[in-house]
Amino acid sequence: GIFTTKPSLIEWVDKNIPEIELITSKSYQVKPNPGNKGPIIVEHSVGNFGNAVGLRNPGMDKGHEDLVELRENHNLRSYLNVSLSANSINDFIKLVLKFEDIADILELNFSCPHAKKGFGSSIGSDAKIVQEYMEELRKTTKTLLIPKLTPNVDNIGEIAITALNAGADGISGINTADPIVYIEPNSRKPILYNPNAHKGGKSGEWIKKLTLEKLKEVREAIGPNIPIIGMGGITTGQDVREIRDLD
């Protein structure tokens, strides 16, 4: 899953956790985004979370500056997967051109479930839109492009094939599921601030089964040779093995 936009944390993980070989940033956008006001995360039950961060990020100029500095001052051992989020092809093109020089992979956020209309799953839930975006972005760069797909569809395999036929180099999934409203039991009021109906996507153990189902569907659709970056509900080494064994 995504990790951070802070270079210091990326560097720390790269230095101190050798088992990790790929680090994915949080999503960058063209302009800085303060995200949602708190609370932005809730533990619904032990190991099961809801979140609505609101795509908080420093924007592409500061983000690129930070990652250039990281590259200059630290010899990254891990692959750097830079996540990008936009609500138009033109803005995605700006982001791709901005980050292609410092990213090993560019991950296209077609899947955030609690973002404003036009972002995230608004793109990834429609195969035709995925095709349109991928074809244009493929023309823009030779850097590896991997769309992150939403689980909140009935045809994720079809969407994955569409993305690959339009130029994607692999598939990433899944993003957080649903979203739903989380209610504080005493006040009976929503916990998360999210202006989008107080909803937050599900993450943690309660989406592991969904992750396995959706990634199995993707693998069966695209065949054995296309790379998948798999995530969702992974908390143990056994969880990692179960996703790995889908190959």
C-alpha atoms as a PDB file:
ATOM      1  CA  GLY A   1       0.000   0.000   0.000  1.00  0.00           C
ATOM      2  CA  ILE A   2       0.945   3.651   0.036  1.00  0.00           C
ATOM      3  CA  PHE A   3       3.380   4.910   2.641  1.00  0.00           C
ATOM      4  CA  THR A   4       4.185   8.632   2.811  1.00  0.00           C
ATOM      5  CA  THR A   5       5.240  11.778   0.944  1.00  0.00           C
ATOM      6  CA  LYS A   6       7.968  12.514   3.534  1.00  0.00           C
ATOM      7  CA  PRO A   7      11.447  11.708   2.169  1.00  0.00           C
ATOM      8  CA  SER A   8      12.826  11.138   5.677  1.00  0.00           C
ATOM      9  CA  LEU A   9      10.403   8.243   6.223  1.00  0.00           C
ATOM     10  CA  ILE A  10      11.108   6.763   2.795  1.00  0.00           C
ATOM     11  CA  GLU A  11      14.838   6.892   3.583  1.00  0.00           C
ATOM     12  CA  TRP A  12      14.357   5.325   7.026  1.00  0.00           C
ATOM     13  CA  VAL A  13      12.373   2.382   5.668  1.00  0.00           C
ATOM     14  CA  ASP A  14      14.859   1.874   2.842  1.00  0.00           C
ATOM     15  CA  LYS A  15      17.752   1.782   5.312  1.00  0.00           C
ATOM     16  CA  ASN A  16      16.179  -0.219   8.117  1.00  0.00           C
ATOM     17  CA  ILE A  17      13.751  -2.755   6.629  1.00  0.00           C
ATOM     18  CA  PRO A  18      15.658  -4.778   4.013  1.00  0.00           C
ATOM     19  CA  GLU A  19      12.665  -7.066   3.423  1.00  0.00           C
ATOM     20  CA  ILE A  20      10.912  -4.149   1.701  1.00  0.00           C
ATOM     21  CA  GLU A  21      12.021  -3.809  -1.909  1.00  0.00           C
ATOM     22  CA  LEU A  22       9.433  -1.365  -3.234  1.00  0.00           C
ATOM     23  CA  ILE A  23       8.167   1.799  -1.560  1.00  0.00           C
ATOM     24  CA  THR A  24       5.019   3.530  -2.796  1.00  0.00           C
ATOM     25  CA  SER A  25       4.495   7.191  -1.965  1.00  0.00           C
ATOM     26  CA  LYS A  26       1.166   8.688  -1.073  1.00  0.00           C
ATOM     27  CA  SER A  27      -0.494  10.288  -4.081  1.00  0.00           C
ATOM     28  CA  TYR A  28       0.790  13.618  -5.363  1.00  0.00           C
ATOM     29  CA  GLN A  29      -1.481  16.114  -7.098  1.00  0.00           C
ATOM     30  CA  VAL A  30      -0.723  19.147  -9.254  1.00  0.00           C
ATOM     31  CA  LYS A  31      -1.497  21.604  -6.453  1.00  0.00           C
ATOM     32  CA  PRO A  32      -0.935  21.200  -2.700  1.00  0.00           C
ATOM     33  CA  ASN A  33      -3.877  19.614  -0.908  1.00  0.00           C
ATOM     34  CA  PRO A  34      -4.297  19.903   2.885  1.00  0.00           C
ATOM     35  CA  GLY A  35      -6.683  16.941   2.864  1.00  0.00           C
ATOM     36  CA  ASN A  36      -9.603  16.509   5.215  1.00  0.00           C
ATOM     37  CA  LYS A  37      -9.812  17.869   8.724  1.00  0.00           C
ATOM     38  CA  GLY A  38      -9.545  15.303  11.510  1.00  0.00           C
ATOM     39  CA  PRO A  39     -10.549  12.767  12.476  1.00  0.00           C
ATOM     40  CA  ILE A  40      -9.282  11.059   9.325  1.00  0.00           C
ATOM     41  CA  ILE A  41      -8.920   7.503  10.654  1.00  0.00           C
ATOM     42  CA  VAL A  42     -10.936   5.249  12.948  1.00  0.00           C
ATOM     43  CA  GLU A  43     -10.352   1.726  14.267  1.00  0.00           C
ATOM     44  CA  HIS A  44     -13.763   0.127  13.806  1.00  0.00           C
ATOM     45  CA  SER A  45     -12.644  -3.043  15.572  1.00  0.00           C
ATOM     46  CA  VAL A  46      -9.252  -4.547  16.359  1.00  0.00           C
ATOM     47  CA  GLY A  47      -7.203  -4.545  13.161  1.00  0.00           C
ATOM     48  CA  ASN A  48     -10.017  -3.059  11.055  1.00  0.00           C
ATOM     49  CA  PHE A  49      -9.837   0.581  10.036  1.00  0.00           C
ATOM     50  CA  GLY A  50     -11.706   3.282   8.177  1.00  0.00           C
ATOM     51  CA  ASN A  51      -9.936   6.281   6.713  1.00  0.00           C
ATOM     52  CA  ALA A  52     -10.646   9.444   4.785  1.00  0.00           C
ATOM     53  CA  VAL A  53      -7.357  11.331   4.536  1.00  0.00           C
ATOM     54  CA  GLY A  54      -8.551  13.332   1.547  1.00  0.00           C
ATOM     55  CA  LEU A  55      -5.433  12.906  -0.630  1.00  0.00           C
ATOM     56  CA  ARG A  56      -3.298  15.167   1.586  1.00  0.00           C
ATOM     57  CA  ASN A  57      -0.036  16.015  -0.209  1.00  0.00           C
ATOM     58  CA  PRO A  58       2.399  18.916  -0.788  1.00  0.00           C
ATOM     59  CA  GLY A  59       1.697  19.237  -4.520  1.00  0.00           C
ATOM     60  CA  MET A  60       3.874  18.241  -7.438  1.00  0.00           C
ATOM     61  CA  ASP A  61       6.483  21.012  -7.255  1.00  0.00           C
ATOM     62  CA  LYS A  62       7.381  20.485  -3.597  1.00  0.00           C
ATOM     63  CA  GLY A  63       6.946  16.725  -3.950  1.00  0.00           C
ATOM     64  CA  HIS A  64       9.362  16.558  -6.865  1.00  0.00           C
ATOM     65  CA  GLU A  65      11.850  18.795  -5.068  1.00  0.00           C
ATOM     66  CA  ASP A  66      11.729  16.505  -2.019  1.00  0.00           C
ATOM     67  CA  LEU A  67      12.228  13.328  -4.033  1.00  0.00           C
ATOM     68  CA  VAL A  68      15.102  14.822  -6.045  1.00  0.00           C
ATOM     69  CA  GLU A  69      16.799  15.705  -2.758  1.00  0.00           C
ATOM     70  CA  LEU A  70      16.165  12.168  -1.507  1.00  0.00           C
ATOM     71  CA  ARG A  71      17.760  10.679  -4.621  1.00  0.00           C
ATOM     72  CA  GLU A  72      20.762  13.008  -4.334  1.00  0.00           C
ATOM     73  CA  ASN A  73      21.417  12.337  -0.647  1.00  0.00           C
ATOM     74  CA  HIS A  74      20.520   8.656  -0.348  1.00  0.00           C
ATOM     75  CA  ASN A  75      21.240   5.777  -2.696  1.00  0.00           C
ATOM     76  CA  LEU A  76      17.834   4.111  -2.666  1.00  0.00           C
ATOM     77  CA  ARG A  77      17.996   0.332  -2.457  1.00  0.00           C
ATOM     78  CA  SER A  78      14.240  -0.066  -2.990  1.00  0.00           C
ATOM     79  CA  TYR A  79      12.292   0.718  -6.110  1.00  0.00           C
ATOM     80  CA  LEU A  80      10.455   4.035  -5.790  1.00  0.00           C
ATOM     81  CA  ASN A  81       6.828   3.881  -6.900  1.00  0.00           C
ATOM     82  CA  VAL A  82       5.392   7.407  -7.080  1.00  0.00           C
ATOM     83  CA  SER A  83       1.598   7.577  -6.829  1.00  0.00           C
ATOM     84  CA  LEU A  84      -0.249  10.265  -8.796  1.00  0.00           C
ATOM     85  CA  SER A  85      -3.822  11.553  -8.498  1.00  0.00           C
ATOM     86  CA  ALA A  86      -5.794  13.879 -10.765  1.00  0.00           C
ATOM     87  CA  ASN A  87      -9.290  14.371 -12.140  1.00  0.00           C
ATOM     88  CA  SER A  88      -8.334  15.085 -15.747  1.00  0.00           C
ATOM     89  CA  ILE A  89      -6.002  13.684 -18.381  1.00  0.00           C
ATOM     90  CA  ASN A  90      -4.207  17.024 -18.663  1.00  0.00           C
ATOM     91  CA  ASP A  91      -3.388  17.095 -14.951  1.00  0.00           C
ATOM     92  CA  PHE A  92      -2.235  13.480 -15.045  1.00  0.00           C
ATOM     93  CA  ILE A  93       0.063  14.371 -17.947  1.00  0.00           C
ATOM     94  CA  LYS A  94       1.548  17.239 -15.914  1.00  0.00           C
ATOM     95  CA  LEU A  95       2.195  14.870 -13.026  1.00  0.00           C
ATOM     96  CA  VAL A  96       3.724  12.164 -15.209  1.00  0.00           C
ATOM     97  CA  LEU A  97       6.083  14.646 -16.855  1.00  0.00           C
ATOM     98  CA  LYS A  98       7.021  16.086 -13.473  1.00  0.00           C
ATOM     99  CA  PHE A  99       7.921  12.823 -11.759  1.00  0.00           C
ATOM    100  CA  GLU A 100       9.103  10.548 -14.573  1.00  0.00           C
ATOM    101  CA  ASP A 101      12.751  11.477 -14.042  1.00  0.00           C
ATOM    102  CA  ILE A 102      12.912  10.372 -10.397  1.00  0.00           C
ATOM    103  CA  ALA A 103      10.423   7.463 -10.255  1.00  0.00           C
ATOM    104  CA  ASP A 104      11.092   3.822 -11.049  1.00  0.00           C
ATOM    105  CA  ILE A 105       7.339   3.344 -11.406  1.00  0.00           C
ATOM    106  CA  LEU A 106       4.457   5.797 -11.731  1.00  0.00           C
ATOM    107  CA  GLU A 107       1.303   4.507 -10.067  1.00  0.00           C
ATOM    108  CA  LEU A 108      -1.946   6.029 -11.324  1.00  0.00           C
ATOM    109  CA  ASN A 109      -4.534   6.426  -8.572  1.00  0.00           C
ATOM    110  CA  PHE A 110      -7.693   5.276 -10.336  1.00  0.00           C
ATOM    111  CA  SER A 111      -9.191   3.952  -7.119  1.00  0.00           C
ATOM    112  CA  CYS A 112      -9.462   6.248  -4.073  1.00  0.00           C
ATOM    113  CA  PRO A 113     -13.023   5.540  -2.811  1.00  0.00           C
ATOM    114  CA  HIS A 114     -13.652   8.668  -0.731  1.00  0.00           C
ATOM    115  CA  ALA A 115     -12.232  11.434  -2.940  1.00  0.00           C
ATOM    116  CA  LYS A 116     -14.187  14.184  -4.642  1.00  0.00           C
ATOM    117  CA  LYS A 117     -16.054  13.405  -7.847  1.00  0.00           C
ATOM    118  CA  GLY A 118     -13.730  12.947 -10.804  1.00  0.00           C
ATOM    119  CA  PHE A 119     -10.839  11.517  -8.794  1.00  0.00           C
ATOM    120  CA  GLY A 120      -9.861   7.969  -7.910  1.00  0.00           C
ATOM    121  CA  SER A 121     -12.595   5.381  -8.316  1.00  0.00           C
ATOM    122  CA  SER A 122     -14.587   7.764 -10.520  1.00  0.00           C
ATOM    123  CA  ILE A 123     -11.964   6.894 -13.139  1.00  0.00           C
ATOM    124  CA  GLY A 124     -11.202   3.280 -12.258  1.00  0.00           C
ATOM    125  CA  SER A 125     -14.778   2.052 -12.152  1.00  0.00           C
ATOM    126  CA  ASP A 126     -15.333   2.752 -15.863  1.00  0.00           C
ATOM    127  CA  ALA A 127     -13.329   0.693 -18.361  1.00  0.00           C
ATOM    128  CA  LYS A 128     -13.864   3.239 -21.120  1.00  0.00           C
ATOM    129  CA  ILE A 129     -12.412   6.065 -19.014  1.00  0.00           C
ATOM    130  CA  VAL A 130      -9.504   3.855 -17.935  1.00  0.00           C
ATOM    131  CA  GLN A 131      -8.739   3.162 -21.590  1.00  0.00           C
ATOM    132  CA  GLU A 132      -8.876   6.851 -22.501  1.00  0.00           C
ATOM    133  CA  TYR A 133      -6.568   7.887 -19.662  1.00  0.00           C
ATOM    134  CA  MET A 134      -4.089   5.050 -20.194  1.00  0.00           C
ATOM    135  CA  GLU A 135      -3.761   5.615 -23.934  1.00  0.00           C
ATOM    136  CA  GLU A 136      -2.951   9.299 -23.465  1.00  0.00           C
ATOM    137  CA  LEU A 137      -0.559   8.739 -20.571  1.00  0.00           C
ATOM    138  CA  ARG A 138       1.248   5.957 -22.412  1.00  0.00           C
ATOM    139  CA  LYS A 139       2.055   8.442 -25.168  1.00  0.00           C
ATOM    140  CA  THR A 140       3.538  10.783 -22.577  1.00  0.00           C
ATOM    141  CA  THR A 141       6.304   8.665 -21.025  1.00  0.00           C
ATOM    142  CA  LYS A 142       8.472   5.563 -21.255  1.00  0.00           C
ATOM    143  CA  THR A 143       8.502   5.204 -17.457  1.00  0.00           C
ATOM    144  CA  LEU A 144       6.609   2.188 -16.121  1.00  0.00           C
ATOM    145  CA  LEU A 145       2.913   3.017 -15.645  1.00  0.00           C
ATOM    146  CA  ILE A 146       0.811   0.927 -13.277  1.00  0.00           C
ATOM    147  CA  PRO A 147      -2.812   1.866 -12.511  1.00  0.00           C
ATOM    148  CA  LYS A 148      -4.136   1.130  -9.031  1.00  0.00           C
ATOM    149  CA  LEU A 149      -7.609  -0.375  -9.396  1.00  0.00           C
ATOM    150  CA  THR A 150     -10.655  -0.172  -7.166  1.00  0.00           C
ATOM    151  CA  PRO A 151     -12.248  -3.309  -5.698  1.00  0.00           C
ATOM    152  CA  ASN A 152     -15.653  -1.624  -5.791  1.00  0.00           C
ATOM    153  CA  VAL A 153     -16.560  -3.017  -9.212  1.00  0.00           C
ATOM    154  CA  ASP A 154     -17.908  -6.299 -10.558  1.00  0.00           C
ATOM    155  CA  ASN A 155     -15.536  -6.401 -13.541  1.00  0.00           C
ATOM    156  CA  ILE A 156     -12.051  -5.693 -12.192  1.00  0.00           C
ATOM    157  CA  GLY A 157     -10.574  -8.336 -14.495  1.00  0.00           C
ATOM    158  CA  GLU A 158     -12.049  -6.649 -17.561  1.00  0.00           C
ATOM    159  CA  ILE A 159     -10.795  -3.257 -16.387  1.00  0.00           C
ATOM    160  CA  ALA A 160      -7.308  -4.689 -15.824  1.00  0.00           C
ATOM    161  CA  ILE A 161      -7.195  -6.092 -19.363  1.00  0.00           C
ATOM    162  CA  THR A 162      -8.423  -2.767 -20.738  1.00  0.00           C
ATOM    163  CA  ALA A 163      -5.635  -0.932 -18.910  1.00  0.00           C
ATOM    164  CA  LEU A 164      -2.977  -3.327 -20.182  1.00  0.00           C
ATOM    165  CA  ASN A 165      -4.209  -3.152 -23.762  1.00  0.00           C
ATOM    166  CA  ALA A 166      -4.033   0.637 -23.497  1.00  0.00           C
ATOM    167  CA  GLY A 167      -0.402   0.586 -22.382  1.00  0.00           C
ATOM    168  CA  ALA A 168      -0.189  -0.225 -18.670  1.00  0.00           C
ATOM    169  CA  ASP A 169       2.904  -2.179 -17.595  1.00  0.00           C
ATOM    170  CA  GLY A 170       1.200  -3.953 -14.716  1.00  0.00           C
ATOM    171  CA  ILE A 171      -1.672  -3.701 -12.258  1.00  0.00           C
ATOM    172  CA  SER A 172      -1.805  -2.467  -8.666  1.00  0.00           C
ATOM    173  CA  GLY A 173      -4.620  -3.312  -6.274  1.00  0.00           C
ATOM    174  CA  ILE A 174      -6.578  -3.101  -4.258  1.00  0.00           C
ATOM    175  CA  ASN A 175      -7.317   0.293  -2.784  1.00  0.00           C
ATOM    176  CA  THR A 176      -9.496   0.683   0.302  1.00  0.00           C
ATOM    177  CA  ALA A 177     -12.994  -0.759  -0.037  1.00  0.00           C
ATOM    178  CA  ASP A 178     -16.539   0.658  -0.041  1.00  0.00           C
ATOM    179  CA  PRO A 179     -16.583   3.485   1.698  1.00  0.00           C
ATOM    180  CA  ILE A 180     -18.988   3.563   4.653  1.00  0.00           C
ATOM    181  CA  VAL A 181     -19.976   5.890   7.510  1.00  0.00           C
ATOM    182  CA  TYR A 182     -18.518   5.065  10.939  1.00  0.00           C
ATOM    183  CA  ILE A 183     -20.778   6.028  13.856  1.00  0.00           C
ATOM    184  CA  GLU A 184     -19.592   6.901  17.385  1.00  0.00           C
ATOM    185  CA  PRO A 185     -21.809   4.675  19.591  1.00  0.00           C
ATOM    186  CA  ASN A 186     -22.601   7.199  22.334  1.00  0.00           C
ATOM    187  CA  SER A 187     -23.296  10.345  20.338  1.00  0.00           C
ATOM    188  CA  ARG A 188     -24.540   8.413  17.283  1.00  0.00           C
ATOM    189  CA  LYS A 189     -22.665  10.922  15.136  1.00  0.00           C
ATOM    190  CA  PRO A 190     -20.230  10.199  12.290  1.00  0.00           C
ATOM    191  CA  ILE A 191     -16.616   9.905  13.432  1.00  0.00           C
ATOM    192  CA  LEU A 192     -14.799  10.912  10.253  1.00  0.00           C
ATOM    193  CA  TYR A 193     -14.880  14.522   9.132  1.00  0.00           C
ATOM    194  CA  ASN A 194     -14.870  13.774   5.385  1.00  0.00           C
ATOM    195  CA  PRO A 195     -17.196  16.322   3.691  1.00  0.00           C
ATOM    196  CA  ASN A 196     -18.159  13.542   1.266  1.00  0.00           C
ATOM    197  CA  ALA A 197     -20.962  12.299   3.566  1.00  0.00           C
ATOM    198  CA  HIS A 198     -18.483  11.468   6.375  1.00  0.00           C
ATOM    199  CA  LYS A 199     -17.507   8.273   4.581  1.00  0.00           C
ATOM    200  CA  GLY A 200     -14.216   6.417   4.857  1.00  0.00           C
ATOM    201  CA  GLY A 201     -12.707   3.508   2.972  1.00  0.00           C
ATOM    202  CA  LYS A 202     -12.135   0.177   4.698  1.00  0.00           C
ATOM    203  CA  SER A 203      -8.607  -1.063   5.317  1.00  0.00           C
ATOM    204  CA  GLY A 204      -7.064  -3.713   7.527  1.00  0.00           C
ATOM    205  CA  GLU A 205      -7.917  -7.336   8.169  1.00  0.00           C
ATOM    206  CA  TRP A 206     -11.581  -7.102   7.196  1.00  0.00           C
ATOM    207  CA  ILE A 207     -10.741  -6.563   3.512  1.00  0.00           C
ATOM    208  CA  LYS A 208      -8.244  -9.423   3.174  1.00  0.00           C
ATOM    209  CA  LYS A 209     -10.831 -11.827   1.725  1.00  0.00           C
ATOM    210  CA  LEU A 210     -11.926  -9.181  -0.780  1.00  0.00           C
ATOM    211  CA  THR A 211      -8.292  -8.546  -1.714  1.00  0.00           C
ATOM    212  CA  LEU A 212      -7.689 -12.209  -2.476  1.00  0.00           C
ATOM    213  CA  GLU A 213     -10.911 -12.491  -4.479  1.00  0.00           C
ATOM    214  CA  LYS A 214     -10.233  -9.404  -6.591  1.00  0.00           C
ATOM    215  CA  LEU A 215      -6.559 -10.125  -7.212  1.00  0.00           C
ATOM    216  CA  LYS A 216      -7.392 -13.702  -8.175  1.00  0.00           C
ATOM    217  CA  GLU A 217      -9.886 -12.310 -10.676  1.00  0.00           C
ATOM    218  CA  VAL A 218      -7.222  -9.974 -12.055  1.00  0.00           C
ATOM    219  CA  ARG A 219      -4.602 -12.723 -12.280  1.00  0.00           C
ATOM    220  CA  GLU A 220      -6.979 -15.088 -14.081  1.00  0.00           C
ATOM    221  CA  ALA A 221      -7.883 -12.319 -16.525  1.00  0.00           C
ATOM    222  CA  ILE A 222      -4.380 -11.085 -17.365  1.00  0.00           C
ATOM    223  CA  GLY A 223      -2.445 -14.345 -17.189  1.00  0.00           C
ATOM    224  CA  PRO A 224       0.690 -15.356 -15.274  1.00  0.00           C
ATOM    225  CA  ASN A 225       3.315 -13.028 -16.725  1.00  0.00           C
ATOM    226  CA  ILE A 226       2.058  -9.514 -15.980  1.00  0.00           C
ATOM    227  CA  PRO A 227       3.260  -8.032 -12.659  1.00  0.00           C
ATOM    228  CA  ILE A 228       0.726  -7.265  -9.934  1.00  0.00           C
ATOM    229  CA  ILE A 229       1.455  -5.053  -6.928  1.00  0.00           C
ATOM    230  CA  GLY A 230      -0.894  -6.604  -4.384  1.00  0.00           C
ATOM    231  CA  MET A 231      -2.142  -5.091  -1.127  1.00  0.00           C
ATOM    232  CA  GLY A 232      -5.121  -4.859   1.185  1.00  0.00           C
ATOM    233  CA  GLY A 233      -5.613  -6.506   4.571  1.00  0.00           C
ATOM    234  CA  ILE A 234      -2.018  -7.692   4.828  1.00  0.00           C
ATOM    235  CA  THR A 235      -0.845  -7.865   8.444  1.00  0.00           C
ATOM    236  CA  THR A 236       1.276 -11.034   8.650  1.00  0.00           C
ATOM    237  CA  GLY A 237       3.818 -12.988   6.659  1.00  0.00           C
ATOM    238  CA  GLN A 238       1.131 -15.568   5.964  1.00  0.00           C
ATOM    239  CA  ASP A 239      -1.007 -12.845   4.368  1.00  0.00           C
ATOM    240  CA  VAL A 240       1.917 -11.943   2.111  1.00  0.00           C
ATOM    241  CA  ARG A 241       2.335 -15.572   1.093  1.00  0.00           C
ATOM    242  CA  GLU A 242      -1.352 -15.924   0.260  1.00  0.00           C
ATOM    243  CA  ILE A 243      -1.212 -12.987  -2.123  1.00  0.00           C
ATOM    244  CA  ARG A 244       2.109 -14.110  -3.577  1.00  0.00           C
ATOM    245  CA  ASP A 245       0.709 -17.590  -4.178  1.00  0.00           C
ATOM    246  CA  LEU A 246      -1.970 -16.156  -6.466  1.00  0.00           C
ATOM    247  CA  ASP A 247       0.837 -16.228  -9.029  1.00  0.00           C
END
